[in-house]
Amino acid sequence: MRNGPAPTREVLTTGDTRTVLERFGAGVESVKVVSGAERLVTFDIADERIQPANYDKPDGAPLRMLDSDAAKVDVSKRSLHDMDFWHRSTDYSEVIICVKGALRWETELGTHVLHPGQILYIPRGVAHRSALCDESAEENILVEVKIKDDCVYTGPPVDPEA
């Protein structure tokens, strides 16, 4: 005999993918994937195995973790060097999420230092590069989301000088 309410089954269908979930209560912890798990992926960006091959080089490219025509998710770990070149993406806008450490982002539209929890949106076509700063750590970890479509900020008002 089980304690608590009976599970609630939920079926999610997107395109040709069908995922079946069972919920045992409130919150994400109470969800069990019954089938369709091949479409759910989890990874720890702090895992030392998730590291670009040219990690300690100034031209170190991020490690691609998820890929599609519409969006790409990369993990970038910078440790020793500034990016010694400008980068301009003509296909994707970029959302840079600082997870650990800090980096200074120089762009054609201004310079911003990103700290953990902060996000920088770089529109498609805007030249940019990253550099170490006083707040940089021994290892600086970023998640970079490349999005094919243009994005529109819809959150609360932000200070344009921040």
C-alpha atoms as a PDB file:
ATOM      1  CA  MET A   1       0.000   0.000   0.000  1.00  0.00           C
ATOM      2  CA  ARG A   2       1.307   3.442  -0.936  1.00  0.00           C
ATOM      3  CA  ASN A   3       1.294   6.479   1.270  1.00  0.00           C
ATOM      4  CA  GLY A   4      -0.054   9.732  -0.180  1.00  0.00           C
ATOM      5  CA  PRO A   5      -2.080  10.434  -3.291  1.00  0.00           C
ATOM      6  CA  ALA A   6      -1.922   8.242  -6.380  1.00  0.00           C
ATOM      7  CA  PRO A   7       0.421   9.494  -9.092  1.00  0.00           C
ATOM      8  CA  THR A   8      -0.924  11.736 -11.789  1.00  0.00           C
ATOM      9  CA  ARG A   9       0.189  10.665 -15.243  1.00  0.00           C
ATOM     10  CA  GLU A  10       1.097  13.361 -17.753  1.00  0.00           C
ATOM     11  CA  VAL A  11       1.857  12.781 -21.431  1.00  0.00           C
ATOM     12  CA  LEU A  12       3.767  15.440 -23.354  1.00  0.00           C
ATOM     13  CA  THR A  13       3.787  15.245 -27.132  1.00  0.00           C
ATOM     14  CA  THR A  14       5.927  17.505 -29.271  1.00  0.00           C
ATOM     15  CA  GLY A  15       6.296  16.630 -32.924  1.00  0.00           C
ATOM     16  CA  ASP A  16       7.022  12.908 -32.957  1.00  0.00           C
ATOM     17  CA  THR A  17       8.383  12.762 -29.393  1.00  0.00           C
ATOM     18  CA  ARG A  18       6.156  11.426 -26.621  1.00  0.00           C
ATOM     19  CA  THR A  19       7.290  11.707 -22.988  1.00  0.00           C
ATOM     20  CA  VAL A  20       5.251  10.183 -20.164  1.00  0.00           C
ATOM     21  CA  LEU A  21       5.623  11.600 -16.633  1.00  0.00           C
ATOM     22  CA  GLU A  22       4.186  10.545 -13.298  1.00  0.00           C
ATOM     23  CA  ARG A  23       3.725  13.194 -10.595  1.00  0.00           C
ATOM     24  CA  PHE A  24       3.661  12.198  -6.923  1.00  0.00           C
ATOM     25  CA  GLY A  25       3.240  15.652  -5.410  1.00  0.00           C
ATOM     26  CA  ALA A  26       4.305  19.239  -5.874  1.00  0.00           C
ATOM     27  CA  GLY A  27       7.682  20.284  -7.251  1.00  0.00           C
ATOM     28  CA  VAL A  28      10.138  18.928  -9.772  1.00  0.00           C
ATOM     29  CA  GLU A  29      11.516  16.379  -7.293  1.00  0.00           C
ATOM     30  CA  SER A  30       8.208  14.510  -7.415  1.00  0.00           C
ATOM     31  CA  VAL A  31       8.307  13.841 -11.170  1.00  0.00           C
ATOM     32  CA  LYS A  32       9.350  10.432 -12.469  1.00  0.00           C
ATOM     33  CA  VAL A  33       9.906   9.882 -16.198  1.00  0.00           C
ATOM     34  CA  VAL A  34       8.135   6.699 -17.225  1.00  0.00           C
ATOM     35  CA  SER A  35       9.092   6.745 -20.910  1.00  0.00           C
ATOM     36  CA  GLY A  36      10.632   9.132 -23.394  1.00  0.00           C
ATOM     37  CA  ALA A  37      13.728   9.682 -21.262  1.00  0.00           C
ATOM     38  CA  GLU A  38      15.900   9.564 -24.340  1.00  0.00           C
ATOM     39  CA  ARG A  39      14.848  13.177 -24.954  1.00  0.00           C
ATOM     40  CA  LEU A  40      15.721  14.419 -21.426  1.00  0.00           C
ATOM     41  CA  VAL A  41      19.346  15.403 -20.873  1.00  0.00           C
ATOM     42  CA  THR A  42      21.067  16.591 -17.714  1.00  0.00           C
ATOM     43  CA  PHE A  43      24.698  17.569 -17.298  1.00  0.00           C
ATOM     44  CA  ASP A  44      26.809  19.415 -14.745  1.00  0.00           C
ATOM     45  CA  ILE A  45      28.735  22.313 -16.292  1.00  0.00           C
ATOM     46  CA  ALA A  46      31.150  22.253 -13.344  1.00  0.00           C
ATOM     47  CA  ASP A  47      32.202  18.695 -14.289  1.00  0.00           C
ATOM     48  CA  GLU A  48      35.885  18.818 -15.259  1.00  0.00           C
ATOM     49  CA  ARG A  49      35.118  16.558 -18.245  1.00  0.00           C
ATOM     50  CA  ILE A  50      33.007  19.364 -19.706  1.00  0.00           C
ATOM     51  CA  GLN A  51      35.850  21.488 -20.908  1.00  0.00           C
ATOM     52  CA  PRO A  52      36.816  22.826 -24.335  1.00  0.00           C
ATOM     53  CA  ALA A  53      39.782  20.995 -25.872  1.00  0.00           C
ATOM     54  CA  ASN A  54      41.747  24.260 -26.088  1.00  0.00           C
ATOM     55  CA  TYR A  55      40.779  25.373 -22.566  1.00  0.00           C
ATOM     56  CA  ASP A  56      43.964  27.264 -21.747  1.00  0.00           C
ATOM     57  CA  LYS A  57      44.389  28.994 -25.113  1.00  0.00           C
ATOM     58  CA  PRO A  58      43.371  32.607 -25.827  1.00  0.00           C
ATOM     59  CA  ASP A  59      41.303  31.461 -28.807  1.00  0.00           C
ATOM     60  CA  GLY A  60      39.572  28.714 -26.817  1.00  0.00           C
ATOM     61  CA  ALA A  61      36.233  27.902 -28.420  1.00  0.00           C
ATOM     62  CA  PRO A  62      33.295  26.932 -26.193  1.00  0.00           C
ATOM     63  CA  LEU A  63      32.198  23.303 -25.981  1.00  0.00           C
ATOM     64  CA  ARG A  64      28.917  22.635 -27.822  1.00  0.00           C
ATOM     65  CA  MET A  65      26.503  20.773 -25.529  1.00  0.00           C
ATOM     66  CA  LEU A  66      23.153  21.061 -27.334  1.00  0.00           C
ATOM     67  CA  ASP A  67      22.614  21.785 -31.007  1.00  0.00           C
ATOM     68  CA  SER A  68      19.732  22.562 -33.354  1.00  0.00           C
ATOM     69  CA  ASP A  69      19.129  24.831 -36.334  1.00  0.00           C
ATOM     70  CA  ALA A  70      17.290  27.344 -34.119  1.00  0.00           C
ATOM     71  CA  ALA A  71      19.483  27.331 -30.991  1.00  0.00           C
ATOM     72  CA  LYS A  72      22.819  26.106 -29.657  1.00  0.00           C
ATOM     73  CA  VAL A  73      24.029  25.804 -26.057  1.00  0.00           C
ATOM     74  CA  ASP A  74      27.761  25.993 -25.337  1.00  0.00           C
ATOM     75  CA  VAL A  75      29.820  25.865 -22.145  1.00  0.00           C
ATOM     76  CA  SER A  76      32.778  28.233 -22.057  1.00  0.00           C
ATOM     77  CA  LYS A  77      35.527  28.057 -19.460  1.00  0.00           C
ATOM     78  CA  ARG A  78      38.148  30.781 -19.511  1.00  0.00           C
ATOM     79  CA  SER A  79      41.074  30.653 -17.141  1.00  0.00           C
ATOM     80  CA  LEU A  80      44.332  32.231 -18.229  1.00  0.00           C
ATOM     81  CA  HIS A  81      43.939  34.469 -21.250  1.00  0.00           C
ATOM     82  CA  ASP A  82      41.841  37.202 -22.779  1.00  0.00           C
ATOM     83  CA  MET A  83      40.125  36.512 -26.081  1.00  0.00           C
ATOM     84  CA  ASP A  84      42.680  38.134 -28.389  1.00  0.00           C
ATOM     85  CA  PHE A  85      40.294  38.688 -31.303  1.00  0.00           C
ATOM     86  CA  TRP A  86      36.860  40.161 -31.988  1.00  0.00           C
ATOM     87  CA  HIS A  87      33.966  37.798 -32.752  1.00  0.00           C
ATOM     88  CA  ARG A  88      30.838  38.646 -34.733  1.00  0.00           C
ATOM     89  CA  SER A  89      28.048  36.104 -35.290  1.00  0.00           C
ATOM     90  CA  THR A  90      26.029  36.822 -38.418  1.00  0.00           C
ATOM     91  CA  ASP A  91      23.637  33.903 -37.852  1.00  0.00           C
ATOM     92  CA  TYR A  92      22.823  33.925 -34.127  1.00  0.00           C
ATOM     93  CA  SER A  93      22.151  36.346 -31.298  1.00  0.00           C
ATOM     94  CA  GLU A  94      23.982  35.287 -28.137  1.00  0.00           C
ATOM     95  CA  VAL A  95      22.815  35.068 -24.542  1.00  0.00           C
ATOM     96  CA  ILE A  96      25.820  34.884 -22.203  1.00  0.00           C
ATOM     97  CA  ILE A  97      25.081  33.582 -18.677  1.00  0.00           C
ATOM     98  CA  CYS A  98      27.845  33.904 -16.076  1.00  0.00           C
ATOM     99  CA  VAL A  99      27.870  30.909 -13.725  1.00  0.00           C
ATOM    100  CA  LYS A 100      31.237  31.254 -11.967  1.00  0.00           C
ATOM    101  CA  GLY A 101      33.926  33.942 -11.788  1.00  0.00           C
ATOM    102  CA  ALA A 102      33.623  37.132 -13.824  1.00  0.00           C
ATOM    103  CA  LEU A 103      34.584  38.355 -17.280  1.00  0.00           C
ATOM    104  CA  ARG A 104      34.584  41.719 -18.980  1.00  0.00           C
ATOM    105  CA  TRP A 105      32.692  41.743 -22.257  1.00  0.00           C
ATOM    106  CA  GLU A 106      33.745  44.405 -24.747  1.00  0.00           C
ATOM    107  CA  THR A 107      31.206  45.032 -27.518  1.00  0.00           C
ATOM    108  CA  GLU A 108      30.536  47.657 -30.158  1.00  0.00           C
ATOM    109  CA  LEU A 109      27.659  48.777 -27.945  1.00  0.00           C
ATOM    110  CA  GLY A 110      29.637  49.113 -24.702  1.00  0.00           C
ATOM    111  CA  THR A 111      31.602  47.198 -22.076  1.00  0.00           C
ATOM    112  CA  HIS A 112      30.021  45.093 -19.306  1.00  0.00           C
ATOM    113  CA  VAL A 113      31.508  42.968 -16.509  1.00  0.00           C
ATOM    114  CA  LEU A 114      29.426  39.848 -15.922  1.00  0.00           C
ATOM    115  CA  HIS A 115      29.279  38.258 -12.449  1.00  0.00           C
ATOM    116  CA  PRO A 116      27.581  34.968 -11.443  1.00  0.00           C
ATOM    117  CA  GLY A 117      23.857  35.090 -12.128  1.00  0.00           C
ATOM    118  CA  GLN A 118      24.120  37.936 -14.633  1.00  0.00           C
ATOM    119  CA  ILE A 119      23.130  37.642 -18.283  1.00  0.00           C
ATOM    120  CA  LEU A 120      24.273  39.617 -21.325  1.00  0.00           C
ATOM    121  CA  TYR A 121      22.328  39.593 -24.603  1.00  0.00           C
ATOM    122  CA  ILE A 122      24.457  40.290 -27.682  1.00  0.00           C
ATOM    123  CA  PRO A 123      22.343  40.864 -30.805  1.00  0.00           C
ATOM    124  CA  ARG A 124      23.301  39.092 -34.008  1.00  0.00           C
ATOM    125  CA  GLY A 125      25.975  41.026 -35.918  1.00  0.00           C
ATOM    126  CA  VAL A 126      27.469  42.901 -32.924  1.00  0.00           C
ATOM    127  CA  ALA A 127      31.252  42.414 -32.556  1.00  0.00           C
ATOM    128  CA  HIS A 128      32.400  41.365 -29.093  1.00  0.00           C
ATOM    129  CA  ARG A 129      35.174  39.708 -27.094  1.00  0.00           C
ATOM    130  CA  SER A 130      35.760  38.629 -23.501  1.00  0.00           C
ATOM    131  CA  ALA A 131      38.640  39.541 -21.219  1.00  0.00           C
ATOM    132  CA  LEU A 132      39.733  38.769 -17.690  1.00  0.00           C
ATOM    133  CA  CYS A 133      39.051  41.453 -15.079  1.00  0.00           C
ATOM    134  CA  ASP A 134      39.856  42.121 -11.411  1.00  0.00           C
ATOM    135  CA  GLU A 135      36.906  39.929 -10.339  1.00  0.00           C
ATOM    136  CA  SER A 136      37.867  36.972 -12.582  1.00  0.00           C
ATOM    137  CA  ALA A 137      38.433  33.655 -10.818  1.00  0.00           C
ATOM    138  CA  GLU A 138      40.940  30.906 -11.509  1.00  0.00           C
ATOM    139  CA  GLU A 139      38.184  29.397 -13.653  1.00  0.00           C
ATOM    140  CA  ASN A 140      35.366  31.440 -15.191  1.00  0.00           C
ATOM    141  CA  ILE A 141      32.374  29.425 -16.393  1.00  0.00           C
ATOM    142  CA  LEU A 142      29.791  30.730 -18.848  1.00  0.00           C
ATOM    143  CA  VAL A 143      26.804  29.227 -20.618  1.00  0.00           C
ATOM    144  CA  GLU A 144      26.369  30.654 -24.087  1.00  0.00           C
ATOM    145  CA  VAL A 145      23.013  30.260 -25.807  1.00  0.00           C
ATOM    146  CA  LYS A 146      22.991  31.054 -29.515  1.00  0.00           C
ATOM    147  CA  ILE A 147      19.518  31.825 -30.858  1.00  0.00           C
ATOM    148  CA  LYS A 148      18.658  32.024 -34.564  1.00  0.00           C
ATOM    149  CA  ASP A 149      15.761  34.463 -34.069  1.00  0.00           C
ATOM    150  CA  ASP A 150      16.122  37.956 -32.670  1.00  0.00           C
ATOM    151  CA  CYS A 151      15.075  38.285 -29.032  1.00  0.00           C
ATOM    152  CA  VAL A 152      13.042  41.049 -27.420  1.00  0.00           C
ATOM    153  CA  TYR A 153      13.582  41.819 -23.726  1.00  0.00           C
ATOM    154  CA  THR A 154      10.232  41.583 -21.929  1.00  0.00           C
ATOM    155  CA  GLY A 155      11.355  41.664 -18.279  1.00  0.00           C
ATOM    156  CA  PRO A 156      11.059  44.570 -15.848  1.00  0.00           C
ATOM    157  CA  PRO A 157      12.736  47.884 -16.759  1.00  0.00           C
ATOM    158  CA  VAL A 158      16.548  47.788 -16.575  1.00  0.00           C
ATOM    159  CA  ASP A 159      19.081  50.532 -15.978  1.00  0.00           C
ATOM    160  CA  PRO A 160      20.710  51.163 -19.384  1.00  0.00           C
ATOM    161  CA  GLU A 161      23.912  52.230 -17.584  1.00  0.00           C
ATOM    162  CA  ALA A 162      24.218  48.903 -15.679  1.00  0.00           C
END
